[in-house]
């Protein structure tokens, strides 16, 4: 899959049923040695670009469960599950 195919997809956490952002408003952390994506870095922003309290969310690529036509579904473990 190409990066251009991922751009614009909504990122949704299945456990929290929460929209985390849109790919394109996120950064990708890429392994410089092999070029593979290691994680998504999602800024903590609210609607209309207003900042929300908190840090960015770093989601390892292994937590991505499904990439569909419109969404990327994540399964982020709770703090007590890690």
PDB file of N, CA and C in Angstrom:
ATOM      1  N   UNK A   1       0.847  -1.170   0.000  1.00  0.00           N
ATOM      2  CA  UNK A   1       0.000   0.000   0.000  1.00  0.00           C
ATOM      3  C   UNK A   1       0.893   1.234   0.000  1.00  0.00           C
ATOM      4  N   UNK A   2       0.513   2.228  -0.728  1.00  0.00           N
ATOM      5  CA  UNK A   2       1.286   3.472  -0.818  1.00  0.00           C
ATOM      6  C   UNK A   2       0.791   4.485   0.202  1.00  0.00           C
ATOM      7  N   UNK A   3       1.698   5.368   0.595  1.00  0.00           N
ATOM      8  CA  UNK A   3       1.348   6.407   1.562  1.00  0.00           C
ATOM      9  C   UNK A   3       0.192   7.258   1.052  1.00  0.00           C
ATOM     10  N   UNK A   4       0.164   7.544  -0.240  1.00  0.00           N
ATOM     11  CA  UNK A   4      -0.915   8.353  -0.802  1.00  0.00           C
ATOM     12  C   UNK A   4      -2.281   7.687  -0.636  1.00  0.00           C
ATOM     13  N   UNK A   5      -2.306   6.354  -0.571  1.00  0.00           N
ATOM     14  CA  UNK A   5      -3.563   5.632  -0.363  1.00  0.00           C
ATOM     15  C   UNK A   5      -4.036   5.736   1.090  1.00  0.00           C
ATOM     16  N   UNK A   6      -3.117   5.970   2.024  1.00  0.00           N
ATOM     17  CA  UNK A   6      -3.468   6.099   3.443  1.00  0.00           C
ATOM     18  C   UNK A   6      -3.962   7.501   3.781  1.00  0.00           C
ATOM     19  N   UNK A   7      -3.484   8.485   3.053  1.00  0.00           N
ATOM     20  CA  UNK A   7      -3.785   9.879   3.365  1.00  0.00           C
ATOM     21  C   UNK A   7      -5.286  10.160   3.337  1.00  0.00           C
ATOM     22  N   UNK A   8      -5.765  10.885   4.338  1.00  0.00           N
ATOM     23  CA  UNK A   8      -7.165  11.281   4.416  1.00  0.00           C
ATOM     24  C   UNK A   8      -8.060  10.296   5.144  1.00  0.00           C
ATOM     25  N   UNK A   9      -7.531   9.147   5.533  1.00  0.00           N
ATOM     26  CA  UNK A   9      -8.352   8.163   6.254  1.00  0.00           C
ATOM     27  C   UNK A   9      -8.491   8.562   7.727  1.00  0.00           C
ATOM     28  N   UNK A  10      -9.680   8.368   8.262  1.00  0.00           N
ATOM     29  CA  UNK A  10      -9.904   8.622   9.682  1.00  0.00           C
ATOM     30  C   UNK A  10      -9.242   7.531  10.504  1.00  0.00           C
ATOM     31  N   UNK A  11      -8.699   7.909  11.658  1.00  0.00           N
ATOM     32  CA  UNK A  11      -8.070   6.969  12.565  1.00  0.00           C
ATOM     33  C   UNK A  11      -9.002   6.797  13.759  1.00  0.00           C
ATOM     34  N   UNK A  12      -9.445   5.553  14.001  1.00  0.00           N
ATOM     35  CA  UNK A  12     -10.443   5.268  15.032  1.00  0.00           C
ATOM     36  C   UNK A  12      -9.914   4.198  15.977  1.00  0.00           C
ATOM     37  N   UNK A  13     -10.059   4.445  17.280  1.00  0.00           N
ATOM     38  CA  UNK A  13      -9.712   3.457  18.304  1.00  0.00           C
ATOM     39  C   UNK A  13     -10.956   2.636  18.596  1.00  0.00           C
ATOM     40  N   UNK A  14     -10.888   1.337  18.316  1.00  0.00           N
ATOM     41  CA  UNK A  14     -12.049   0.465  18.441  1.00  0.00           C
ATOM     42  C   UNK A  14     -12.490   0.293  19.898  1.00  0.00           C
ATOM     43  N   UNK A  15     -11.570   0.243  20.857  1.00  0.00           N
ATOM     44  CA  UNK A  15     -11.946   0.042  22.264  1.00  0.00           C
ATOM     45  C   UNK A  15     -12.647   1.254  22.853  1.00  0.00           C
ATOM     46  N   UNK A  16     -12.175   2.423  22.514  1.00  0.00           N
ATOM     47  CA  UNK A  16     -12.756   3.652  23.066  1.00  0.00           C
ATOM     48  C   UNK A  16     -13.843   4.239  22.170  1.00  0.00           C
ATOM     49  N   UNK A  17     -14.008   3.659  20.986  1.00  0.00           N
ATOM     50  CA  UNK A  17     -14.957   4.182  19.991  1.00  0.00           C
ATOM     51  C   UNK A  17     -14.735   5.681  19.814  1.00  0.00           C
ATOM     52  N   UNK A  18     -13.474   6.038  19.603  1.00  0.00           N
ATOM     53  CA  UNK A  18     -13.073   7.439  19.563  1.00  0.00           C
ATOM     54  C   UNK A  18     -12.299   7.724  18.285  1.00  0.00           C
ATOM     55  N   UNK A  19     -12.642   8.832  17.651  1.00  0.00           N
ATOM     56  CA  UNK A  19     -11.922   9.302  16.473  1.00  0.00           C
ATOM     57  C   UNK A  19     -10.674  10.028  16.961  1.00  0.00           C
ATOM     58  N   UNK A  20      -9.499   9.572  16.512  1.00  0.00           N
ATOM     59  CA  UNK A  20      -8.250  10.155  16.980  1.00  0.00           C
ATOM     60  C   UNK A  20      -7.691  11.198  16.023  1.00  0.00           C
ATOM     61  N   UNK A  21      -8.110  11.170  14.791  1.00  0.00           N
ATOM     62  CA  UNK A  21      -7.593  12.124  13.818  1.00  0.00           C
ATOM     63  C   UNK A  21      -7.737  11.599  12.408  1.00  0.00           C
ATOM     64  N   UNK A  22      -7.090  12.292  11.500  1.00  0.00           N
ATOM     65  CA  UNK A  22      -7.093  11.920  10.090  1.00  0.00           C
ATOM     66  C   UNK A  22      -5.650  11.785   9.654  1.00  0.00           C
ATOM     67  N   UNK A  23      -5.343  10.702   8.964  1.00  0.00           N
ATOM     68  CA  UNK A  23      -3.987  10.545   8.476  1.00  0.00           C
ATOM     69  C   UNK A  23      -3.716  11.654   7.468  1.00  0.00           C
ATOM     70  N   UNK A  24      -2.666  12.336   7.672  1.00  0.00           N
ATOM     71  CA  UNK A  24      -2.361  13.562   6.935  1.00  0.00           C
ATOM     72  C   UNK A  24      -2.185  14.666   7.956  1.00  0.00           C
ATOM     73  N   UNK A  25      -2.903  14.541   9.086  1.00  0.00           N
ATOM     74  CA  UNK A  25      -2.717  15.434  10.227  1.00  0.00           C
ATOM     75  C   UNK A  25      -1.822  14.739  11.247  1.00  0.00           C
ATOM     76  N   UNK A  26      -1.333  13.568  10.885  1.00  0.00           N
ATOM     77  CA  UNK A  26      -0.473  12.795  11.772  1.00  0.00           C
ATOM     78  C   UNK A  26       0.907  12.673  11.142  1.00  0.00           C
ATOM     79  N   UNK A  27       1.868  12.275  11.937  1.00  0.00           N
ATOM     80  CA  UNK A  27       3.207  11.989  11.445  1.00  0.00           C
ATOM     81  C   UNK A  27       3.424  10.491  11.480  1.00  0.00           C
ATOM     82  N   UNK A  28       4.308  10.040  10.641  1.00  0.00           N
ATOM     83  CA  UNK A  28       4.697   8.636  10.637  1.00  0.00           C
ATOM     84  C   UNK A  28       6.125   8.543  11.148  1.00  0.00           C
ATOM     85  N   UNK A  29       6.370   7.592  12.027  1.00  0.00           N
ATOM     86  CA  UNK A  29       7.720   7.315  12.479  1.00  0.00           C
ATOM     87  C   UNK A  29       8.225   6.143  11.633  1.00  0.00           C
ATOM     88  N   UNK A  30       9.292   6.397  10.857  1.00  0.00           N
ATOM     89  CA  UNK A  30       9.778   5.417   9.892  1.00  0.00           C
ATOM     90  C   UNK A  30      11.174   4.961  10.281  1.00  0.00           C
ATOM     91  N   UNK A  31      11.407   3.659  10.206  1.00  0.00           N
ATOM     92  CA  UNK A  31      12.719   3.086  10.461  1.00  0.00           C
ATOM     93  C   UNK A  31      13.630   3.482   9.302  1.00  0.00           C
ATOM     94  N   UNK A  32      14.688   4.201   9.593  1.00  0.00           N
ATOM     95  CA  UNK A  32      15.580   4.690   8.544  1.00  0.00           C
ATOM     96  C   UNK A  32      16.356   3.575   7.859  1.00  0.00           C
ATOM     97  N   UNK A  33      16.551   2.458   8.527  1.00  0.00           N
ATOM     98  CA  UNK A  33      17.332   1.359   7.955  1.00  0.00           C
ATOM     99  C   UNK A  33      16.560   0.566   6.913  1.00  0.00           C
ATOM    100  N   UNK A  34      15.277   0.254   7.224  1.00  0.00           N
ATOM    101  CA  UNK A  34      14.526  -0.590   6.298  1.00  0.00           C
ATOM    102  C   UNK A  34      13.323   0.111   5.667  1.00  0.00           C
ATOM    103  N   UNK A  35      13.029   1.351   6.064  1.00  0.00           N
ATOM    104  CA  UNK A  35      11.950   2.122   5.462  1.00  0.00           C
ATOM    105  C   UNK A  35      10.550   1.723   5.917  1.00  0.00           C
ATOM    106  N   UNK A  36      10.437   0.841   6.909  1.00  0.00           N
ATOM    107  CA  UNK A  36       9.119   0.418   7.380  1.00  0.00           C
ATOM    108  C   UNK A  36       8.564   1.419   8.383  1.00  0.00           C
ATOM    109  N   UNK A  37       7.240   1.563   8.373  1.00  0.00           N
ATOM    110  CA  UNK A  37       6.569   2.435   9.325  1.00  0.00           C
ATOM    111  C   UNK A  37       6.574   1.754  10.685  1.00  0.00           C
ATOM    112  N   UNK A  38       7.047   2.461  11.713  1.00  0.00           N
ATOM    113  CA  UNK A  38       7.076   1.910  13.066  1.00  0.00           C
ATOM    114  C   UNK A  38       5.847   2.325  13.858  1.00  0.00           C
ATOM    115  N   UNK A  39       5.422   3.584  13.697  1.00  0.00           N
ATOM    116  CA  UNK A  39       4.265   4.045  14.465  1.00  0.00           C
ATOM    117  C   UNK A  39       3.648   5.277  13.828  1.00  0.00           C
ATOM    118  N   UNK A  40       2.403   5.527  14.226  1.00  0.00           N
ATOM    119  CA  UNK A  40       1.705   6.759  13.884  1.00  0.00           C
ATOM    120  C   UNK A  40       1.851   7.702  15.073  1.00  0.00           C
ATOM    121  N   UNK A  41       2.111   8.978  14.820  1.00  0.00           N
ATOM    122  CA  UNK A  41       2.189   9.974  15.880  1.00  0.00           C
ATOM    123  C   UNK A  41       1.032  10.942  15.637  1.00  0.00           C
ATOM    124  N   UNK A  42       0.032  10.869  16.518  1.00  0.00           N
ATOM    125  CA  UNK A  42      -1.206  11.630  16.337  1.00  0.00           C
ATOM    126  C   UNK A  42      -1.199  12.798  17.312  1.00  0.00           C
ATOM    127  N   UNK A  43      -1.256  14.052  16.806  1.00  0.00           N
ATOM    128  CA  UNK A  43      -1.269  15.193  17.723  1.00  0.00           C
ATOM    129  C   UNK A  43      -2.585  15.265  18.488  1.00  0.00           C
ATOM    130  N   UNK A  44      -2.547  15.822  19.683  1.00  0.00           N
ATOM    131  CA  UNK A  44      -3.758  16.002  20.490  1.00  0.00           C
ATOM    132  C   UNK A  44      -4.423  17.311  20.083  1.00  0.00           C
ATOM    133  N   UNK A  45      -5.309  17.220  19.092  1.00  0.00           N
ATOM    134  CA  UNK A  45      -6.053  18.407  18.648  1.00  0.00           C
ATOM    135  C   UNK A  45      -7.531  18.100  18.681  1.00  0.00           C
ATOM    136  N   UNK A  46      -8.303  19.131  18.814  1.00  0.00           N
ATOM    137  CA  UNK A  46      -9.746  19.023  18.878  1.00  0.00           C
ATOM    138  C   UNK A  46     -10.314  19.544  17.562  1.00  0.00           C
ATOM    139  N   UNK A  47     -11.609  19.531  17.425  1.00  0.00           N
ATOM    140  CA  UNK A  47     -12.250  20.090  16.235  1.00  0.00           C
ATOM    141  C   UNK A  47     -11.822  21.532  16.042  1.00  0.00           C
ATOM    142  N   UNK A  48     -11.753  21.967  14.824  1.00  0.00           N
ATOM    143  CA  UNK A  48     -11.406  23.330  14.419  1.00  0.00           C
ATOM    144  C   UNK A  48      -9.973  23.691  14.795  1.00  0.00           C
ATOM    145  N   UNK A  49      -9.138  22.687  15.048  1.00  0.00           N
ATOM    146  CA  UNK A  49      -7.737  22.927  15.314  1.00  0.00           C
ATOM    147  C   UNK A  49      -7.417  23.457  16.698  1.00  0.00           C
ATOM    148  N   UNK A  50      -8.392  23.496  17.590  1.00  0.00           N
ATOM    149  CA  UNK A  50      -8.133  23.975  18.944  1.00  0.00           C
ATOM    150  C   UNK A  50      -7.399  22.905  19.725  1.00  0.00           C
ATOM    151  N   UNK A  51      -6.358  23.282  20.415  1.00  0.00           N
ATOM    152  CA  UNK A  51      -5.539  22.312  21.152  1.00  0.00           C
ATOM    153  C   UNK A  51      -6.286  21.741  22.342  1.00  0.00           C
ATOM    154  N   UNK A  52      -6.066  20.497  22.573  1.00  0.00           N
ATOM    155  CA  UNK A  52      -6.597  19.807  23.736  1.00  0.00           C
ATOM    156  C   UNK A  52      -5.418  19.584  24.680  1.00  0.00           C
ATOM    157  N   UNK A  53      -5.664  19.513  25.947  1.00  0.00           N
ATOM    158  CA  UNK A  53      -4.583  19.257  26.897  1.00  0.00           C
ATOM    159  C   UNK A  53      -4.029  17.862  26.677  1.00  0.00           C
ATOM    160  N   UNK A  54      -2.733  17.729  26.800  1.00  0.00           N
ATOM    161  CA  UNK A  54      -2.129  16.410  26.691  1.00  0.00           C
ATOM    162  C   UNK A  54      -1.072  16.345  25.620  1.00  0.00           C
ATOM    163  N   UNK A  55      -0.417  15.226  25.588  1.00  0.00           N
ATOM    164  CA  UNK A  55       0.664  14.990  24.652  1.00  0.00           C
ATOM    165  C   UNK A  55       0.115  14.340  23.389  1.00  0.00           C
ATOM    166  N   UNK A  56       1.000  14.143  22.450  1.00  0.00           N
ATOM    167  CA  UNK A  56       0.632  13.407  21.249  1.00  0.00           C
ATOM    168  C   UNK A  56       0.462  11.932  21.586  1.00  0.00           C
ATOM    169  N   UNK A  57      -0.238  11.234  20.734  1.00  0.00           N
ATOM    170  CA  UNK A  57      -0.463   9.804  20.917  1.00  0.00           C
ATOM    171  C   UNK A  57       0.448   9.077  19.939  1.00  0.00           C
ATOM    172  N   UNK A  58       1.263   8.173  20.441  1.00  0.00           N
ATOM    173  CA  UNK A  58       2.166   7.382  19.597  1.00  0.00           C
ATOM    174  C   UNK A  58       1.608   5.960  19.547  1.00  0.00           C
ATOM    175  N   UNK A  59       1.223   5.519  18.349  1.00  0.00           N
ATOM    176  CA  UNK A  59       0.583   4.218  18.177  1.00  0.00           C
ATOM    177  C   UNK A  59       1.497   3.322  17.341  1.00  0.00           C
ATOM    178  N   UNK A  60       2.023   2.252  17.937  1.00  0.00           N
ATOM    179  CA  UNK A  60       2.844   1.321  17.164  1.00  0.00           C
ATOM    180  C   UNK A  60       2.044   0.713  15.995  1.00  0.00           C
ATOM    181  N   UNK A  61       2.724   0.487  14.900  1.00  0.00           N
ATOM    182  CA  UNK A  61       2.079  -0.062  13.709  1.00  0.00           C
ATOM    183  C   UNK A  61       1.388  -1.388  14.013  1.00  0.00           C
ATOM    184  N   UNK A  62       1.902  -2.142  14.967  1.00  0.00           N
ATOM    185  CA  UNK A  62       1.319  -3.448  15.315  1.00  0.00           C
ATOM    186  C   UNK A  62      -0.081  -3.321  15.921  1.00  0.00           C
ATOM    187  N   UNK A  63      -0.475  -2.122  16.370  1.00  0.00           N
ATOM    188  CA  UNK A  63      -1.808  -1.926  16.943  1.00  0.00           C
ATOM    189  C   UNK A  63      -2.862  -1.617  15.881  1.00  0.00           C
ATOM    190  N   UNK A  64      -2.444  -1.501  14.637  1.00  0.00           N
ATOM    191  CA  UNK A  64      -3.399  -1.297  13.545  1.00  0.00           C
ATOM    192  C   UNK A  64      -4.023  -2.644  13.220  1.00  0.00           C
ATOM    193  N   UNK A  65      -5.349  -2.711  13.326  1.00  0.00           N
ATOM    194  CA  UNK A  65      -6.059  -3.979  13.100  1.00  0.00           C
ATOM    195  C   UNK A  65      -6.616  -4.076  11.691  1.00  0.00           C
ATOM    196  N   UNK A  66      -7.038  -2.947  11.114  1.00  0.00           N
ATOM    197  CA  UNK A  66      -7.664  -2.997   9.789  1.00  0.00           C
ATOM    198  C   UNK A  66      -7.521  -1.645   9.113  1.00  0.00           C
ATOM    199  N   UNK A  67      -7.191  -1.670   7.836  1.00  0.00           N
ATOM    200  CA  UNK A  67      -7.174  -0.453   7.023  1.00  0.00           C
ATOM    201  C   UNK A  67      -8.251  -0.627   5.970  1.00  0.00           C
ATOM    202  N   UNK A  68      -9.298   0.191   6.086  1.00  0.00           N
ATOM    203  CA  UNK A  68     -10.418   0.108   5.154  1.00  0.00           C
ATOM    204  C   UNK A  68     -10.377   1.228   4.134  1.00  0.00           C
ATOM    205  N   UNK A  69     -11.458   1.384   3.389  1.00  0.00           N
ATOM    206  CA  UNK A  69     -11.538   2.431   2.374  1.00  0.00           C
ATOM    207  C   UNK A  69     -11.523   3.827   2.974  1.00  0.00           C
ATOM    208  N   UNK A  70     -12.155   3.987   4.151  1.00  0.00           N
ATOM    209  CA  UNK A  70     -12.298   5.307   4.763  1.00  0.00           C
ATOM    210  C   UNK A  70     -11.627   5.441   6.114  1.00  0.00           C
ATOM    211  N   UNK A  71     -11.287   4.320   6.757  1.00  0.00           N
ATOM    212  CA  UNK A  71     -10.798   4.364   8.131  1.00  0.00           C
ATOM    213  C   UNK A  71      -9.619   3.443   8.354  1.00  0.00           C
ATOM    214  N   UNK A  72      -8.865   3.790   9.397  1.00  0.00           N
ATOM    215  CA  UNK A  72      -7.837   2.915   9.938  1.00  0.00           C
ATOM    216  C   UNK A  72      -8.287   2.576  11.348  1.00  0.00           C
ATOM    217  N   UNK A  73      -8.519   1.295  11.629  1.00  0.00           N
ATOM    218  CA  UNK A  73      -9.015   0.849  12.924  1.00  0.00           C
ATOM    219  C   UNK A  73      -7.837   0.420  13.790  1.00  0.00           C
ATOM    220  N   UNK A  74      -7.744   1.003  14.981  1.00  0.00           N
ATOM    221  CA  UNK A  74      -6.682   0.691  15.929  1.00  0.00           C
ATOM    222  C   UNK A  74      -7.245  -0.070  17.113  1.00  0.00           C
ATOM    223  N   UNK A  75      -6.424  -0.907  17.705  1.00  0.00           N
ATOM    224  CA  UNK A  75      -6.766  -1.587  18.947  1.00  0.00           C
ATOM    225  C   UNK A  75      -5.634  -1.278  19.920  1.00  0.00           C
ATOM    226  N   UNK A  76      -5.774  -0.178  20.644  1.00  0.00           N
ATOM    227  CA  UNK A  76      -4.741   0.283  21.566  1.00  0.00           C
ATOM    228  C   UNK A  76      -5.010  -0.337  22.931  1.00  0.00           C
ATOM    229  N   UNK A  77      -4.045  -1.118  23.446  1.00  0.00           N
ATOM    230  CA  UNK A  77      -4.265  -1.732  24.765  1.00  0.00           C
ATOM    231  C   UNK A  77      -4.385  -0.673  25.860  1.00  0.00           C
ATOM    232  N   UNK A  78      -5.196  -0.983  26.877  1.00  0.00           N
ATOM    233  CA  UNK A  78      -5.268  -0.114  28.053  1.00  0.00           C
ATOM    234  C   UNK A  78      -3.946  -0.179  28.781  1.00  0.00           C
ATOM    235  N   UNK A  79      -3.688   0.793  29.637  1.00  0.00           N
ATOM    236  CA  UNK A  79      -2.430   0.826  30.394  1.00  0.00           C
ATOM    237  C   UNK A  79      -2.232  -0.452  31.202  1.00  0.00           C
ATOM    238  N   UNK A  80      -3.317  -1.017  31.737  1.00  0.00           N
ATOM    239  CA  UNK A  80      -3.192  -2.207  32.566  1.00  0.00           C
ATOM    240  C   UNK A  80      -3.025  -3.489  31.724  1.00  0.00           C
ATOM    241  N   UNK A  81      -3.206  -3.418  30.394  1.00  0.00           N
ATOM    242  CA  UNK A  81      -3.048  -4.582  29.533  1.00  0.00           C
ATOM    243  C   UNK A  81      -1.645  -4.697  28.947  1.00  0.00           C
ATOM    244  N   UNK A  82      -0.846  -3.643  29.023  1.00  0.00           N
ATOM    245  CA  UNK A  82       0.465  -3.638  28.385  1.00  0.00           C
ATOM    246  C   UNK A  82       1.505  -4.349  29.174  1.00  0.00           C
TER     247      UNK A  82
END
